[in-house]
Amino acid sequence: MTNRTFHSVFWTGLERFGMQIFQALFTIILARLLLPSDYGLIAMIFIFLMGGQIVIDAGLPIALMQKKNPTETDFSTVFWFNIMSGLFFYGIFFFCATPIADFYEQPLLNPIIKVAGLNFIAWSFGLVHATKLNINLGFKRQAFISITAVIISGGIGIILAYYGYGVWALVTQFLINNTLRSLFFWLFGIRWLPKFIFQFASLKSLLPVGFASIFAAFLDTIYKNIYAIFIGKRYSAAELGFFQQGNTLSSLVTAQITYAITTSFIPLQSKHHDYPDEQQKLFFRFLSLLCFLIFPLAILFLVLAEPFVSFILTEKWLPTVPLIQILCLSLLLYPISVINNRILLVKGLSKQLLTIESIKKAFGFMAFFICLPHGISWICASIGFYVLFSAILSIIYSQKILSIQWTEQLKIVFPILGLAVFSGIAAWCAMMGVKFYAPTNDFLKLLCGGISGIGIYVLGGHLLKFNEIRFALDYLKKKRP
């Protein structure tokens, strides 16, 4: 791992981890103040919000990052396209509020949708500025902007929840976060003002590249959030709230960390367009780092889910414990699938990426609908079936198209997974020991289990000479005054 890679991963990781730490803190506080049904109401419309944001994005930021020497005309064209798309989708969302509320038989959704739809406009104003920062590898400044916006919006959400505003605390938090993030990109991010230029030729040159990523992302968003539509319709809002909370918490240690690390993957890979050997080395570095961070955290969270929920979220959230455990296991291979997809995107293999995503999502939808009648636990298990199939398919395509051997990937994955499982067993033994002597002390279970699991993992990684630990130690020694 080079210093440049480390710096990029460090700051994108700090941005995402910092955001997730504060979001997790706010989630814990809000979960103690709000009801599961409040989270269920937000989950019912989340698919529309995320789907709209992806279409507004249109994959154009990725197209700009991939393009060699994008012009001011390109940036301005994309900016105005994003603004028009944001206004257009808000109009659609506003007029669809009543039908959506009637579908779920939840009248309160009507005003919630009309306010939450303002996120489309707020989001569209900051997309190009964020893209220019990514192109310039300005991850440090982006981390500052994102974390500041999360802290301010989270604090406001907590105040509203404390004074009894219920679900509106969540709606306001989400809207303020997106608004501040876009505003800070203009004020503190990068000095750039759009010109009054809109060229269809520029948009036409970018859309084919962007279409692959937008379609793949749109399918992924539909798949991830379709649960809310059918669970909300078939089961109660409280049950949907339990599922949503379990999905959110398990994603903190899988999907969110994966996103944090792979954010810098495309810009760094794009710097080596003409050096395939360097791109392949970078691929294996990212794969190793993803597995090294995610495997132990996912397994440790699986083991300590019960004392965590009982102590942190209170006992009213205990029904979400088995869902967290199933989802942590289900999402274990998620980073492998993502990193293999990313390398296809970097190579500009849009048709292959669309083919892979279409096959994967068809399998995912099939698994979901088969498991839907059998309860929430089976729905969570369907995610595991999808992730396993997705990882296998992505690895097959990577080997077939880019000569990235699956055996080389397994050589990286298996030792890390084995050590993570061993550390999870150590954490479970420590927790059981505490449970025998102090069965009601959830804090002590968390503390002893966490220290045992993390300690064994770090010690094992040092003894086995994993590159991630050795590089981090060397880097810190060099930086020490």
Protein backbone atom coordinates (compact mmCIF):
# COMPACT_ATOMS: atom_id res chain seq x y z
CA MET A 1 0.00 0.00 0.00
CA THR A 2 1.47 3.34 -1.05
CA ASN A 3 1.31 6.52 1.02
CA ARG A 4 -1.02 8.06 -1.54
CA THR A 5 -3.41 5.12 -1.23
CA PHE A 6 -3.18 5.25 2.55
CA HIS A 7 -3.89 9.00 2.64
CA SER A 8 -6.90 8.64 0.34
CA VAL A 9 -8.31 5.68 2.24
CA PHE A 10 -7.57 7.41 5.57
CA TRP A 11 -9.52 10.56 4.76
CA THR A 12 -12.42 8.84 3.00
CA GLY A 13 -12.45 6.40 5.88
CA LEU A 14 -12.39 9.24 8.41
CA GLU A 15 -15.28 10.91 6.59
CA ARG A 16 -17.41 7.79 6.52
CA PHE A 17 -16.36 6.46 9.92
CA GLY A 18 -16.73 9.87 11.50
CA MET A 19 -20.18 10.24 9.99
CA GLN A 20 -21.13 6.74 11.08
CA ILE A 21 -19.83 7.24 14.62
CA PHE A 22 -21.90 10.38 15.05
CA GLN A 23 -24.88 8.92 13.20
CA ALA A 24 -24.66 5.82 15.39
CA LEU A 25 -24.56 8.04 18.47
CA PHE A 26 -27.56 10.03 17.27
CA THR A 27 -29.35 6.81 16.28
CA ILE A 28 -28.85 5.45 19.80
CA ILE A 29 -30.18 8.62 21.43
CA LEU A 30 -33.09 8.93 19.00
CA ALA A 31 -33.97 5.24 19.37
CA ARG A 32 -34.34 5.80 23.10
CA LEU A 33 -36.62 8.81 22.49
CA LEU A 34 -38.66 7.56 19.53
CA LEU A 35 -40.80 4.52 18.80
CA PRO A 36 -40.10 1.69 16.31
CA SER A 37 -43.18 2.83 14.36
CA ASP A 38 -41.53 6.24 13.77
CA TYR A 39 -38.64 4.51 12.02
CA GLY A 40 -41.14 2.37 10.14
CA LEU A 41 -42.83 5.44 8.65
CA ILE A 42 -39.50 6.80 7.37
CA ALA A 43 -38.58 3.38 5.95
CA MET A 44 -41.80 3.38 3.89
CA ILE A 45 -40.69 6.38 1.83
CA PHE A 46 -36.92 5.84 1.91
CA ILE A 47 -36.94 3.89 -1.35
CA PHE A 48 -38.49 6.88 -3.15
CA LEU A 49 -35.98 9.31 -1.66
CA MET A 50 -32.93 7.22 -2.49
CA GLY A 51 -34.22 6.24 -5.93
CA GLY A 52 -34.85 9.88 -6.79
CA GLN A 53 -31.38 10.94 -5.62
CA ILE A 54 -29.76 8.31 -7.83
CA VAL A 55 -31.69 9.45 -10.90
CA ILE A 56 -30.78 13.08 -10.16
CA ASP A 57 -27.14 11.98 -9.92
CA ALA A 58 -27.58 10.11 -13.24
CA GLY A 59 -24.15 8.56 -12.84
CA LEU A 60 -22.64 11.78 -14.16
CA PRO A 61 -20.19 12.34 -11.26
CA ILE A 62 -18.58 8.97 -12.00
CA ALA A 63 -18.53 9.81 -15.72
CA LEU A 64 -16.74 13.08 -14.93
CA MET A 65 -14.19 11.26 -12.76
CA GLN A 66 -13.51 8.73 -15.50
CA LYS A 67 -13.20 11.29 -18.28
CA LYS A 68 -9.70 12.53 -19.04
CA ASN A 69 -9.52 16.29 -18.63
CA PRO A 70 -13.22 17.22 -18.23
CA THR A 71 -13.95 20.79 -19.31
CA GLU A 72 -15.78 23.65 -17.62
CA THR A 73 -18.58 23.05 -20.08
CA ASP A 74 -18.90 19.48 -18.82
CA PHE A 75 -19.09 20.57 -15.18
CA SER A 76 -21.60 23.37 -15.84
CA THR A 77 -23.78 21.14 -17.99
CA VAL A 78 -23.91 18.48 -15.29
CA PHE A 79 -24.64 21.08 -12.61
CA TRP A 80 -27.70 22.49 -14.43
CA PHE A 81 -28.88 19.00 -15.31
CA ASN A 82 -28.77 18.07 -11.60
CA ILE A 83 -30.72 21.19 -10.60
CA MET A 84 -33.45 20.63 -13.19
CA SER A 85 -33.69 16.97 -12.20
CA GLY A 86 -33.99 17.89 -8.51
CA LEU A 87 -36.86 20.29 -9.16
CA PHE A 88 -38.57 17.81 -11.47
CA PHE A 89 -38.45 14.97 -8.96
CA TYR A 90 -39.65 17.14 -6.12
CA GLY A 91 -42.71 18.01 -8.20
CA ILE A 92 -43.41 14.33 -8.85
CA PHE A 93 -42.86 13.43 -5.20
CA PHE A 94 -45.17 16.25 -4.04
CA PHE A 95 -48.09 15.16 -6.22
CA CYS A 96 -47.60 11.47 -5.40
CA ALA A 97 -47.79 12.07 -1.65
CA THR A 98 -51.48 11.22 -1.35
CA PRO A 99 -51.37 7.96 -3.39
CA ILE A 100 -48.33 6.74 -1.42
CA ALA A 101 -50.00 7.53 1.91
CA ASP A 102 -53.18 5.74 0.75
CA PHE A 103 -51.17 2.68 -0.33
CA TYR A 104 -49.70 2.25 3.16
CA GLU A 105 -52.92 3.44 4.86
CA GLN A 106 -50.85 5.98 6.82
CA PRO A 107 -52.32 9.52 6.48
CA LEU A 108 -49.33 11.06 8.29
CA LEU A 109 -47.13 10.10 5.32
CA ASN A 110 -48.78 12.78 3.17
CA PRO A 111 -47.17 15.84 4.84
CA ILE A 112 -43.98 13.87 5.59
CA ILE A 113 -43.48 13.15 1.89
CA LYS A 114 -44.02 16.77 0.87
CA VAL A 115 -41.36 17.99 3.30
CA ALA A 116 -38.91 15.10 2.78
CA GLY A 117 -39.03 15.67 -0.99
CA LEU A 118 -37.11 18.93 -0.51
CA ASN A 119 -34.05 16.70 -0.11
CA PHE A 120 -34.00 16.30 -3.91
CA ILE A 121 -33.36 20.02 -4.38
CA ALA A 122 -30.86 20.25 -1.53
CA TRP A 123 -28.94 17.22 -2.81
CA SER A 124 -28.70 18.47 -6.40
CA PHE A 125 -26.86 21.68 -5.49
CA GLY A 126 -23.77 19.95 -4.08
CA LEU A 127 -23.15 17.08 -6.50
CA VAL A 128 -20.71 18.76 -8.88
CA HIS A 129 -18.73 20.38 -6.06
CA ALA A 130 -18.34 16.99 -4.37
CA THR A 131 -17.24 15.50 -7.70
CA LYS A 132 -14.57 18.16 -8.23
CA LEU A 133 -13.23 17.46 -4.73
CA ASN A 134 -13.07 13.73 -5.53
CA ILE A 135 -11.24 14.39 -8.80
CA ASN A 136 -8.70 16.54 -6.95
CA LEU A 137 -8.46 13.90 -4.19
CA GLY A 138 -9.72 16.50 -1.70
CA PHE A 139 -10.94 13.87 0.73
CA LYS A 140 -9.73 15.74 3.83
CA ARG A 141 -11.95 18.74 3.14
CA GLN A 142 -14.85 16.50 2.20
CA ALA A 143 -14.51 14.69 5.53
CA PHE A 144 -14.74 17.99 7.41
CA ILE A 145 -17.87 19.02 5.48
CA SER A 146 -19.72 15.73 5.87
CA ILE A 147 -18.96 15.27 9.57
CA THR A 148 -19.90 18.87 10.42
CA ALA A 149 -23.24 18.55 8.62
CA VAL A 150 -23.99 15.27 10.42
CA ILE A 151 -23.21 16.74 13.85
CA ILE A 152 -25.40 19.83 13.37
CA SER A 153 -28.35 17.97 11.83
CA GLY A 154 -28.12 15.17 14.40
CA GLY A 155 -28.15 17.64 17.27
CA ILE A 156 -31.26 19.35 15.88
CA GLY A 157 -32.95 15.96 15.42
CA ILE A 158 -32.29 15.03 19.05
CA ILE A 159 -33.71 18.35 20.30
CA LEU A 160 -36.90 17.84 18.27
CA ALA A 161 -37.26 14.25 19.45
CA TYR A 162 -36.77 15.31 23.08
CA TYR A 163 -39.59 17.84 22.79
CA GLY A 164 -41.98 15.25 21.39
CA TYR A 165 -41.97 15.86 17.63
CA GLY A 166 -41.72 12.12 16.92
CA VAL A 167 -41.14 11.14 13.31
CA TRP A 168 -40.63 14.80 12.32
CA ALA A 169 -37.31 14.72 14.18
CA LEU A 170 -36.06 12.13 11.66
CA VAL A 171 -37.49 14.03 8.66
CA THR A 172 -35.88 17.30 9.76
CA GLN A 173 -32.54 15.67 10.54
CA PHE A 174 -32.32 14.17 7.05
CA LEU A 175 -33.29 17.42 5.31
CA ILE A 176 -30.92 19.64 7.31
CA ASN A 177 -28.02 17.23 6.75
CA ASN A 178 -28.37 17.35 2.95
CA THR A 179 -28.94 21.12 2.94
CA LEU A 180 -25.88 21.89 5.08
CA ARG A 181 -23.71 19.44 3.15
CA SER A 182 -24.44 21.17 -0.16
CA LEU A 183 -24.05 24.63 1.40
CA PHE A 184 -20.67 23.73 2.94
CA PHE A 185 -19.42 22.37 -0.39
CA TRP A 186 -20.00 25.85 -1.84
CA LEU A 187 -18.55 27.77 1.12
CA PHE A 188 -15.65 25.55 2.20
CA GLY A 189 -15.29 22.80 -0.38
CA ILE A 190 -13.93 24.11 -3.65
CA ARG A 191 -13.95 27.52 -5.29
CA TRP A 192 -16.06 26.96 -8.36
CA LEU A 193 -19.11 28.71 -9.77
CA PRO A 194 -21.14 27.17 -12.61
CA LYS A 195 -21.32 29.02 -15.86
CA PHE A 196 -24.61 29.57 -17.66
CA ILE A 197 -23.75 26.85 -20.15
CA PHE A 198 -25.72 23.77 -21.05
CA GLN A 199 -24.55 21.70 -24.01
CA PHE A 200 -26.43 18.58 -25.04
CA ALA A 201 -23.29 17.32 -26.79
CA SER A 202 -21.44 17.34 -23.47
CA LEU A 203 -24.31 15.61 -21.68
CA LYS A 204 -24.58 13.06 -24.47
CA SER A 205 -20.88 12.18 -24.18
CA LEU A 206 -21.17 11.61 -20.42
CA LEU A 207 -24.50 9.80 -20.18
CA PRO A 208 -23.43 6.45 -21.72
CA VAL A 209 -20.73 6.05 -19.07
CA GLY A 210 -23.02 7.34 -16.35
CA PHE A 211 -25.93 5.18 -17.46
CA ALA A 212 -24.18 1.97 -16.44
CA SER A 213 -23.45 3.20 -12.93
CA ILE A 214 -26.87 4.82 -12.48
CA PHE A 215 -28.70 1.71 -13.64
CA ALA A 216 -26.60 -0.52 -11.41
CA ALA A 217 -27.05 1.86 -8.46
CA PHE A 218 -30.78 2.20 -9.14
CA LEU A 219 -31.23 -1.57 -9.17
CA ASP A 220 -29.22 -1.82 -5.98
CA THR A 221 -31.31 0.87 -4.27
CA ILE A 222 -34.58 -0.70 -5.37
CA TYR A 223 -33.40 -4.07 -4.10
CA LYS A 224 -32.18 -2.73 -0.74
CA ASN A 225 -35.33 -0.70 -0.08
CA ILE A 226 -38.02 -2.85 -1.62
CA TYR A 227 -38.22 -4.63 1.72
CA ALA A 228 -39.78 -1.54 3.24
CA ILE A 229 -42.61 -1.50 0.68
CA PHE A 230 -43.70 -5.09 1.19
CA ILE A 231 -42.87 -5.40 4.89
CA GLY A 232 -44.74 -2.14 5.52
CA LYS A 233 -47.73 -3.44 3.59
CA ARG A 234 -47.74 -7.03 4.93
CA TYR A 235 -46.54 -6.42 8.50
CA SER A 236 -46.93 -3.63 11.05
CA ALA A 237 -45.02 -0.33 11.14
CA ALA A 238 -43.33 -1.49 14.37
CA GLU A 239 -42.07 -4.71 12.72
CA LEU A 240 -40.77 -2.66 9.81
CA GLY A 241 -39.07 -0.41 12.37
CA PHE A 242 -37.31 -3.41 13.95
CA PHE A 243 -36.13 -4.56 10.51
CA GLN A 244 -34.98 -1.08 9.52
CA GLN A 245 -33.03 -0.59 12.75
CA GLY A 246 -31.38 -4.00 12.40
CA ASN A 247 -30.51 -3.27 8.78
CA THR A 248 -29.12 0.16 9.65
CA LEU A 249 -26.93 -1.11 12.49
CA SER A 250 -25.57 -4.10 10.57
CA SER A 251 -24.84 -1.86 7.58
CA LEU A 252 -22.69 0.39 9.77
CA VAL A 253 -20.05 -2.34 9.96
CA THR A 254 -20.41 -3.67 6.41
CA ALA A 255 -21.92 -1.53 3.66
CA GLN A 256 -20.92 1.84 5.14
CA ILE A 257 -17.29 0.86 5.72
CA THR A 258 -17.18 -0.62 2.22
CA TYR A 259 -18.48 2.65 0.80
CA ALA A 260 -15.97 4.66 2.84
CA ILE A 261 -12.99 2.72 1.52
CA THR A 262 -14.12 2.29 -2.08
CA THR A 263 -14.96 6.01 -2.48
CA SER A 264 -11.28 6.64 -3.22
CA PHE A 265 -10.94 3.48 -5.33
CA ILE A 266 -12.23 4.92 -8.63
CA PRO A 267 -10.22 8.20 -8.54
CA LEU A 268 -7.03 6.31 -7.63
CA GLN A 269 -7.60 3.64 -10.26
CA SER A 270 -8.34 6.29 -12.87
CA LYS A 271 -4.86 7.74 -12.30
CA HIS A 272 -3.45 4.43 -13.62
CA HIS A 273 -5.50 4.13 -16.82
CA ASP A 274 -2.45 3.10 -18.83
CA TYR A 275 -0.89 0.79 -16.22
CA PRO A 276 -2.99 -2.39 -15.81
CA ASP A 277 -0.44 -4.01 -13.50
CA GLU A 278 -0.70 -1.09 -11.08
CA GLN A 279 -4.49 -1.26 -11.24
CA GLN A 280 -4.43 -4.94 -10.35
CA LYS A 281 -2.08 -4.32 -7.41
CA LEU A 282 -4.37 -1.55 -6.18
CA PHE A 283 -7.35 -3.89 -6.48
CA PHE A 284 -5.75 -6.46 -4.18
CA ARG A 285 -4.73 -3.76 -1.70
CA PHE A 286 -8.30 -2.54 -1.41
CA LEU A 287 -9.70 -6.08 -1.19
CA SER A 288 -7.30 -6.92 1.63
CA LEU A 289 -8.09 -3.71 3.52
CA LEU A 290 -11.86 -4.19 3.17
CA CYS A 291 -11.77 -7.76 4.48
CA PHE A 292 -9.33 -6.87 7.26
CA LEU A 293 -11.66 -4.18 8.63
CA ILE A 294 -15.10 -5.62 7.96
CA PHE A 295 -14.77 -9.31 8.84
CA PRO A 296 -13.87 -8.86 12.52
CA LEU A 297 -16.35 -6.01 13.07
CA ALA A 298 -19.25 -7.93 11.52
CA ILE A 299 -18.52 -11.11 13.49
CA LEU A 300 -17.94 -9.22 16.73
CA PHE A 301 -21.22 -7.32 16.30
CA LEU A 302 -23.01 -10.59 15.62
CA VAL A 303 -21.68 -12.06 18.87
CA LEU A 304 -22.37 -8.99 21.02
CA ALA A 305 -25.69 -7.95 19.47
CA GLU A 306 -27.85 -8.86 22.48
CA PRO A 307 -25.96 -6.96 25.20
CA PHE A 308 -25.44 -4.07 22.75
CA VAL A 309 -29.15 -3.65 22.01
CA SER A 310 -30.22 -4.20 25.62
CA PHE A 311 -27.70 -1.73 27.07
CA ILE A 312 -27.54 0.89 24.30
CA LEU A 313 -31.02 0.93 22.73
CA THR A 314 -33.03 -0.38 25.73
CA GLU A 315 -35.10 -3.55 25.94
CA LYS A 316 -37.91 -2.27 23.72
CA TRP A 317 -35.57 -2.95 20.75
CA LEU A 318 -34.66 -6.56 21.73
CA PRO A 319 -36.75 -8.09 18.88
CA THR A 320 -34.17 -6.63 16.48
CA VAL A 321 -31.30 -8.76 17.94
CA PRO A 322 -31.82 -11.91 15.81
CA LEU A 323 -32.27 -9.70 12.75
CA ILE A 324 -28.92 -7.99 13.40
CA GLN A 325 -27.21 -11.36 13.79
CA ILE A 326 -28.64 -12.76 10.56
CA LEU A 327 -27.84 -9.56 8.65
CA CYS A 328 -24.23 -9.37 9.94
CA LEU A 329 -23.67 -12.91 8.67
CA SER A 330 -25.54 -12.18 5.45
CA LEU A 331 -23.49 -9.07 4.61
CA LEU A 332 -20.10 -10.60 5.38
CA LEU A 333 -19.19 -11.09 1.70
CA TYR A 334 -20.66 -7.77 0.57
CA PRO A 335 -17.27 -5.97 0.23
CA ILE A 336 -15.95 -8.70 -2.08
CA SER A 337 -18.87 -8.19 -4.43
CA VAL A 338 -18.51 -4.39 -4.38
CA ILE A 339 -14.76 -4.25 -5.07
CA ASN A 340 -15.11 -6.65 -8.01
CA ASN A 341 -17.90 -4.48 -9.43
CA ARG A 342 -15.83 -1.33 -8.96
CA ILE A 343 -12.96 -2.60 -11.07
CA LEU A 344 -15.39 -3.29 -13.93
CA LEU A 345 -16.66 0.28 -13.63
CA VAL A 346 -13.11 1.67 -13.68
CA LYS A 347 -12.37 -0.29 -16.85
CA GLY A 348 -15.44 1.20 -18.51
CA LEU A 349 -17.10 -2.23 -18.98
CA SER A 350 -20.61 -0.81 -18.68
CA LYS A 351 -22.39 -3.58 -20.60
CA GLN A 352 -20.80 -6.29 -18.50
CA LEU A 353 -21.68 -4.40 -15.32
CA LEU A 354 -25.30 -4.05 -16.40
CA THR A 355 -25.45 -7.76 -17.19
CA ILE A 356 -24.04 -8.70 -13.79
CA GLU A 357 -26.37 -6.35 -11.90
CA SER A 358 -29.43 -7.53 -13.81
CA ILE A 359 -28.68 -11.19 -13.06
CA LYS A 360 -27.87 -10.51 -9.41
CA LYS A 361 -30.96 -8.42 -8.78
CA ALA A 362 -33.23 -10.94 -10.52
CA PHE A 363 -31.88 -13.57 -8.12
CA GLY A 364 -32.22 -11.18 -5.17
CA PHE A 365 -35.85 -10.33 -5.93
CA MET A 366 -36.67 -14.00 -6.37
CA ALA A 367 -35.08 -14.90 -3.01
CA PHE A 368 -36.91 -12.03 -1.31
CA PHE A 369 -40.37 -12.92 -2.58
CA ILE A 370 -39.86 -16.60 -1.71
CA CYS A 371 -38.90 -15.67 1.86
CA LEU A 372 -41.47 -12.85 2.33
CA PRO A 373 -44.38 -15.00 3.61
CA HIS A 374 -42.20 -16.78 6.19
CA GLY A 375 -41.41 -13.83 8.45
CA ILE A 376 -38.84 -11.06 8.98
CA SER A 377 -36.01 -13.47 9.88
CA TRP A 378 -36.33 -15.27 6.57
CA ILE A 379 -36.40 -11.94 4.75
CA CYS A 380 -33.04 -11.11 6.39
CA ALA A 381 -31.73 -14.54 5.33
CA SER A 382 -32.71 -13.81 1.72
CA ILE A 383 -30.17 -10.97 1.80
CA GLY A 384 -27.50 -13.52 2.66
CA PHE A 385 -28.46 -15.72 -0.29
CA TYR A 386 -28.25 -12.68 -2.56
CA VAL A 387 -24.86 -11.49 -1.25
CA LEU A 388 -23.33 -14.97 -1.63
CA PHE A 389 -24.61 -15.27 -5.21
CA SER A 390 -23.50 -11.70 -5.96
CA ALA A 391 -19.95 -12.29 -4.71
CA ILE A 392 -19.55 -15.51 -6.70
CA LEU A 393 -20.88 -13.94 -9.91
CA SER A 394 -18.70 -10.82 -9.57
CA ILE A 395 -15.57 -12.92 -8.98
CA ILE A 396 -16.34 -15.06 -12.04
CA TYR A 397 -16.69 -11.99 -14.25
CA SER A 398 -13.52 -10.40 -12.86
CA GLN A 399 -11.55 -13.50 -13.72
CA LYS A 400 -13.13 -13.88 -17.14
CA ILE A 401 -12.73 -10.27 -18.26
CA LEU A 402 -9.78 -8.88 -16.29
CA SER A 403 -7.75 -11.98 -15.43
CA ILE A 404 -8.13 -11.37 -11.69
CA GLN A 405 -7.86 -14.96 -10.48
CA TRP A 406 -10.40 -16.11 -7.91
CA THR A 407 -7.71 -18.18 -6.22
CA GLU A 408 -5.69 -15.01 -5.58
CA GLN A 409 -8.72 -13.41 -3.97
CA LEU A 410 -9.34 -16.45 -1.77
CA LYS A 411 -5.71 -16.36 -0.59
CA ILE A 412 -6.42 -12.88 0.76
CA VAL A 413 -9.92 -13.59 2.12
CA PHE A 414 -9.55 -16.92 3.96
CA PRO A 415 -6.72 -16.09 6.41
CA ILE A 416 -8.47 -12.87 7.45
CA LEU A 417 -11.83 -14.63 7.79
CA GLY A 418 -10.28 -17.42 9.86
CA LEU A 419 -8.69 -14.97 12.28
CA ALA A 420 -11.96 -12.96 12.50
CA VAL A 421 -13.94 -16.11 13.37
CA PHE A 422 -11.37 -17.07 16.01
CA SER A 423 -11.59 -13.59 17.57
CA GLY A 424 -15.39 -13.87 17.53
CA ILE A 425 -15.20 -17.15 19.44
CA ALA A 426 -12.90 -15.50 21.99
CA ALA A 427 -15.41 -12.65 22.40
CA TRP A 428 -18.28 -15.13 22.86
CA CYS A 429 -16.34 -17.08 25.52
CA ALA A 430 -15.59 -13.87 27.41
CA MET A 431 -19.23 -12.79 27.22
CA MET A 432 -20.43 -16.20 28.46
CA GLY A 433 -17.97 -15.97 31.35
CA VAL A 434 -19.41 -12.62 32.40
CA LYS A 435 -22.96 -13.91 31.89
CA PHE A 436 -22.29 -16.80 34.29
CA TYR A 437 -21.22 -14.47 37.11
CA ALA A 438 -23.26 -11.35 36.28
CA PRO A 439 -26.18 -12.36 34.00
CA THR A 440 -27.82 -8.90 34.02
CA ASN A 441 -24.71 -6.76 33.50
CA ASP A 442 -24.90 -5.97 29.77
CA PHE A 443 -22.20 -3.30 29.95
CA LEU A 444 -19.68 -5.77 31.38
CA LYS A 445 -20.58 -8.32 28.68
CA LEU A 446 -19.95 -5.71 26.00
CA LEU A 447 -16.72 -4.51 27.55
CA CYS A 448 -15.14 -7.92 28.14
CA GLY A 449 -16.38 -9.40 24.87
CA GLY A 450 -15.21 -6.39 22.87
CA ILE A 451 -11.78 -6.19 24.46
CA SER A 452 -11.23 -9.95 24.08
CA GLY A 453 -12.33 -10.06 20.44
CA ILE A 454 -10.42 -6.97 19.32
CA GLY A 455 -7.34 -7.88 21.34
CA ILE A 456 -7.14 -11.40 19.89
CA TYR A 457 -7.66 -10.06 16.37
CA VAL A 458 -4.97 -7.36 16.59
CA LEU A 459 -2.51 -9.74 18.26
CA GLY A 460 -3.20 -12.44 15.67
CA GLY A 461 -2.82 -9.95 12.82
CA HIS A 462 0.52 -8.82 14.22
CA LEU A 463 1.81 -12.39 14.67
CA LEU A 464 0.64 -13.40 11.20
CA LYS A 465 2.24 -10.23 9.83
CA PHE A 466 -0.80 -8.90 8.01
CA ASN A 467 0.23 -6.02 5.75
CA GLU A 468 -2.45 -3.66 7.09
CA ILE A 469 -1.13 -3.70 10.66
CA ARG A 470 2.51 -3.56 9.60
CA PHE A 471 1.92 -0.63 7.25
CA ALA A 472 -0.10 1.30 9.83
CA LEU A 473 2.61 0.81 12.47
CA ASP A 474 5.38 1.85 10.07
CA TYR A 475 3.39 4.89 8.98
CA LEU A 476 2.81 5.99 12.58
CA LYS A 477 6.51 5.55 13.41
CA LYS A 478 7.49 7.78 10.49
CA LYS A 479 4.99 10.44 11.52
CA ARG A 480 6.04 10.40 15.19
CA PRO A 481 7.91 13.62 16.10
